[in-house]
Amino acid sequence: AVVFQSHEEDDRKVRRREKNRVAAQRSRKKQTQKADKLHEEYESLEQENTSLKREIGKLTDEMKHLSEVLKDHEKICPLLHCTMNFVTIPRPDALTSCLPR
C-alpha cells in the first residue's frame, strides 16, 4: 500500500510539474509577444516622429520664405504707404495694385 501511494504521489508530482512547465512556457511566450508588440510600436512611433520633424522643417522653411515675401511686399505696398490708411473701406484700385499679377 505504501509503494502504491508513493507511486501515486510521484505521478501527481510529475503531472503538477508538467502543468507548471506548460504554464511557465505560456507565460514566457506571452511576455515575449508583449515585448515584440512594444518594440514594433516603438519603431512605428520613431518613424512617425522622424516624419513629423521633417514636416516641421519644411513648414519652418516655408514660413521663413513667406515672411521674407511679406517683408518685401510691405516695402512696396501702396496700402501701407497711403496717407488715407485710416479709412475703413479700402479703395478697390489700391487693393488690386497689391495683388500679384
C-alpha atoms as a PDB file:
ATOM      1  CA  ALA A   1       0.000   0.000   0.000  1.00  0.00           C
ATOM      2  CA  VAL A   2       2.918   2.331   0.771  1.00  0.00           C
ATOM      3  CA  VAL A   3       4.519   1.634  -2.618  1.00  0.00           C
ATOM      4  CA  PHE A   4       1.212   2.286  -4.403  1.00  0.00           C
ATOM      5  CA  GLN A   5       0.717   5.578  -2.510  1.00  0.00           C
ATOM      6  CA  SER A   6       4.282   6.670  -3.267  1.00  0.00           C
ATOM      7  CA  HIS A   7       3.820   5.836  -6.957  1.00  0.00           C
ATOM      8  CA  GLU A   8       0.542   7.800  -6.979  1.00  0.00           C
ATOM      9  CA  GLU A   9       2.249  10.804  -5.316  1.00  0.00           C
ATOM     10  CA  ASP A  10       5.063  10.615  -7.860  1.00  0.00           C
ATOM     11  CA  ASP A  11       2.535  10.631 -10.709  1.00  0.00           C
ATOM     12  CA  ARG A  12       0.792  13.623  -9.145  1.00  0.00           C
ATOM     13  CA  LYS A  13       4.134  15.471  -8.804  1.00  0.00           C
ATOM     14  CA  VAL A  14       5.015  14.692 -12.419  1.00  0.00           C
ATOM     15  CA  ARG A  15       1.618  15.948 -13.650  1.00  0.00           C
ATOM     16  CA  ARG A  16       1.915  19.083 -11.488  1.00  0.00           C
ATOM     17  CA  ARG A  17       5.444  19.761 -12.748  1.00  0.00           C
ATOM     18  CA  GLU A  18       4.332  19.256 -16.349  1.00  0.00           C
ATOM     19  CA  LYS A  19       1.364  21.557 -15.822  1.00  0.00           C
ATOM     20  CA  ASN A  20       3.653  24.140 -14.220  1.00  0.00           C
ATOM     21  CA  ARG A  21       6.185  23.799 -17.066  1.00  0.00           C
ATOM     22  CA  VAL A  22       3.467  24.375 -19.680  1.00  0.00           C
ATOM     23  CA  ALA A  23       2.110  27.377 -17.745  1.00  0.00           C
ATOM     24  CA  ALA A  24       5.638  28.844 -17.493  1.00  0.00           C
ATOM     25  CA  GLN A  25       6.119  28.368 -21.248  1.00  0.00           C
ATOM     26  CA  ARG A  26       2.817  30.139 -21.934  1.00  0.00           C
ATOM     27  CA  SER A  27       3.818  32.964 -19.609  1.00  0.00           C
ATOM     28  CA  ARG A  28       7.227  33.386 -21.263  1.00  0.00           C
ATOM     29  CA  LYS A  29       5.631  33.294 -24.719  1.00  0.00           C
ATOM     30  CA  LYS A  30       3.097  35.920 -23.665  1.00  0.00           C
ATOM     31  CA  GLN A  31       5.872  38.154 -22.272  1.00  0.00           C
ATOM     32  CA  THR A  32       7.872  37.754 -25.478  1.00  0.00           C
ATOM     33  CA  GLN A  33       4.842  38.668 -27.593  1.00  0.00           C
ATOM     34  CA  LYS A  34       4.201  41.697 -25.412  1.00  0.00           C
ATOM     35  CA  ALA A  35       7.834  42.819 -25.757  1.00  0.00           C
ATOM     36  CA  ASP A  36       7.691  42.294 -29.539  1.00  0.00           C
ATOM     37  CA  LYS A  37       4.499  44.341 -29.772  1.00  0.00           C
ATOM     38  CA  LEU A  38       6.047  47.165 -27.717  1.00  0.00           C
ATOM     39  CA  HIS A  39       9.139  47.108 -29.921  1.00  0.00           C
ATOM     40  CA  GLU A  40       7.006  47.348 -33.072  1.00  0.00           C
ATOM     41  CA  GLU A  41       5.048  50.228 -31.548  1.00  0.00           C
ATOM     42  CA  TYR A  42       8.333  51.942 -30.618  1.00  0.00           C
ATOM     43  CA  GLU A  43       9.643  51.573 -34.191  1.00  0.00           C
ATOM     44  CA  SER A  44       6.389  52.944 -35.601  1.00  0.00           C
ATOM     45  CA  LEU A  45       6.460  55.944 -33.258  1.00  0.00           C
ATOM     46  CA  GLU A  46      10.108  56.616 -34.127  1.00  0.00           C
ATOM     47  CA  GLN A  47       9.220  56.664 -37.841  1.00  0.00           C
ATOM     48  CA  GLU A  48       6.265  58.962 -37.186  1.00  0.00           C
ATOM     49  CA  ASN A  49       8.472  61.250 -35.076  1.00  0.00           C
ATOM     50  CA  THR A  50      11.081  61.435 -37.849  1.00  0.00           C
ATOM     51  CA  SER A  51       8.378  62.216 -40.396  1.00  0.00           C
ATOM     52  CA  LEU A  52       6.882  64.941 -38.194  1.00  0.00           C
ATOM     53  CA  LYS A  53      10.307  66.508 -37.628  1.00  0.00           C
ATOM     54  CA  ARG A  54      10.834  66.560 -41.394  1.00  0.00           C
ATOM     55  CA  GLU A  55       7.427  68.215 -41.840  1.00  0.00           C
ATOM     56  CA  ILE A  56       8.258  70.802 -39.145  1.00  0.00           C
ATOM     57  CA  GLY A  57      11.462  71.603 -41.013  1.00  0.00           C
ATOM     58  CA  LYS A  58       9.609  72.075 -44.296  1.00  0.00           C
ATOM     59  CA  LEU A  59       6.934  74.236 -42.666  1.00  0.00           C
ATOM     60  CA  THR A  60       9.589  76.323 -40.894  1.00  0.00           C
ATOM     61  CA  ASP A  61      11.355  76.898 -44.214  1.00  0.00           C
ATOM     62  CA  GLU A  62       8.043  77.836 -45.847  1.00  0.00           C
ATOM     63  CA  MET A  63       7.252  80.240 -43.004  1.00  0.00           C
ATOM     64  CA  LYS A  64      10.666  81.918 -43.374  1.00  0.00           C
ATOM     65  CA  HIS A  65      10.135  82.230 -47.120  1.00  0.00           C
ATOM     66  CA  LEU A  66       6.638  83.687 -46.726  1.00  0.00           C
ATOM     67  CA  SER A  67       7.873  86.102 -44.050  1.00  0.00           C
ATOM     68  CA  GLU A  68      10.527  87.346 -46.464  1.00  0.00           C
ATOM     69  CA  VAL A  69       7.936  87.688 -49.234  1.00  0.00           C
ATOM     70  CA  LEU A  70       5.679  89.640 -46.879  1.00  0.00           C
ATOM     71  CA  LYS A  71       8.561  91.861 -45.742  1.00  0.00           C
ATOM     72  CA  ASP A  72       9.481  92.604 -49.367  1.00  0.00           C
ATOM     73  CA  HIS A  73       5.848  93.304 -50.202  1.00  0.00           C
ATOM     74  CA  GLU A  74       5.389  95.632 -47.241  1.00  0.00           C
ATOM     75  CA  LYS A  75       8.164  97.839 -48.652  1.00  0.00           C
ATOM     76  CA  ILE A  76       6.223  98.474 -51.861  1.00  0.00           C
ATOM     77  CA  CYS A  77       2.590  98.079 -50.785  1.00  0.00           C
ATOM     78  CA  PRO A  78       0.589 101.239 -51.561  1.00  0.00           C
ATOM     79  CA  LEU A  79      -1.950 100.416 -48.848  1.00  0.00           C
ATOM     80  CA  LEU A  80       0.730 100.611 -46.179  1.00  0.00           C
ATOM     81  CA  HIS A  81       2.117 103.889 -47.557  1.00  0.00           C
ATOM     82  CA  CYS A  82      -1.219 105.545 -48.220  1.00  0.00           C
ATOM     83  CA  THR A  83      -1.855 108.711 -46.230  1.00  0.00           C
ATOM     84  CA  MET A  84      -5.502 107.729 -46.103  1.00  0.00           C
ATOM     85  CA  ASN A  85      -4.890 104.329 -44.494  1.00  0.00           C
ATOM     86  CA  PHE A  86      -7.192 105.206 -41.607  1.00  0.00           C
ATOM     87  CA  VAL A  87     -10.212 104.781 -43.933  1.00  0.00           C
ATOM     88  CA  THR A  88     -12.064 101.607 -43.014  1.00  0.00           C
ATOM     89  CA  ILE A  89     -13.256 100.784 -46.540  1.00  0.00           C
ATOM     90  CA  PRO A  90     -10.253 100.165 -48.793  1.00  0.00           C
ATOM     91  CA  ARG A  91     -10.279 101.520 -52.316  1.00  0.00           C
ATOM     92  CA  PRO A  92     -10.586  98.710 -54.895  1.00  0.00           C
ATOM     93  CA  ASP A  93      -7.868 100.192 -57.130  1.00  0.00           C
ATOM     94  CA  ALA A  94      -5.409 100.295 -54.231  1.00  0.00           C
ATOM     95  CA  LEU A  95      -6.217  96.717 -53.349  1.00  0.00           C
ATOM     96  CA  THR A  96      -5.740  95.393 -56.858  1.00  0.00           C
ATOM     97  CA  SER A  97      -2.361  97.081 -57.148  1.00  0.00           C
ATOM     98  CA  CYS A  98      -1.151  94.949 -54.211  1.00  0.00           C
ATOM     99  CA  LEU A  99      -2.336  91.675 -55.696  1.00  0.00           C
ATOM    100  CA  PRO A 100       0.120  89.515 -57.651  1.00  0.00           C
ATOM    101  CA  ARG A 101      -0.267  89.737 -61.390  1.00  0.00           C
END
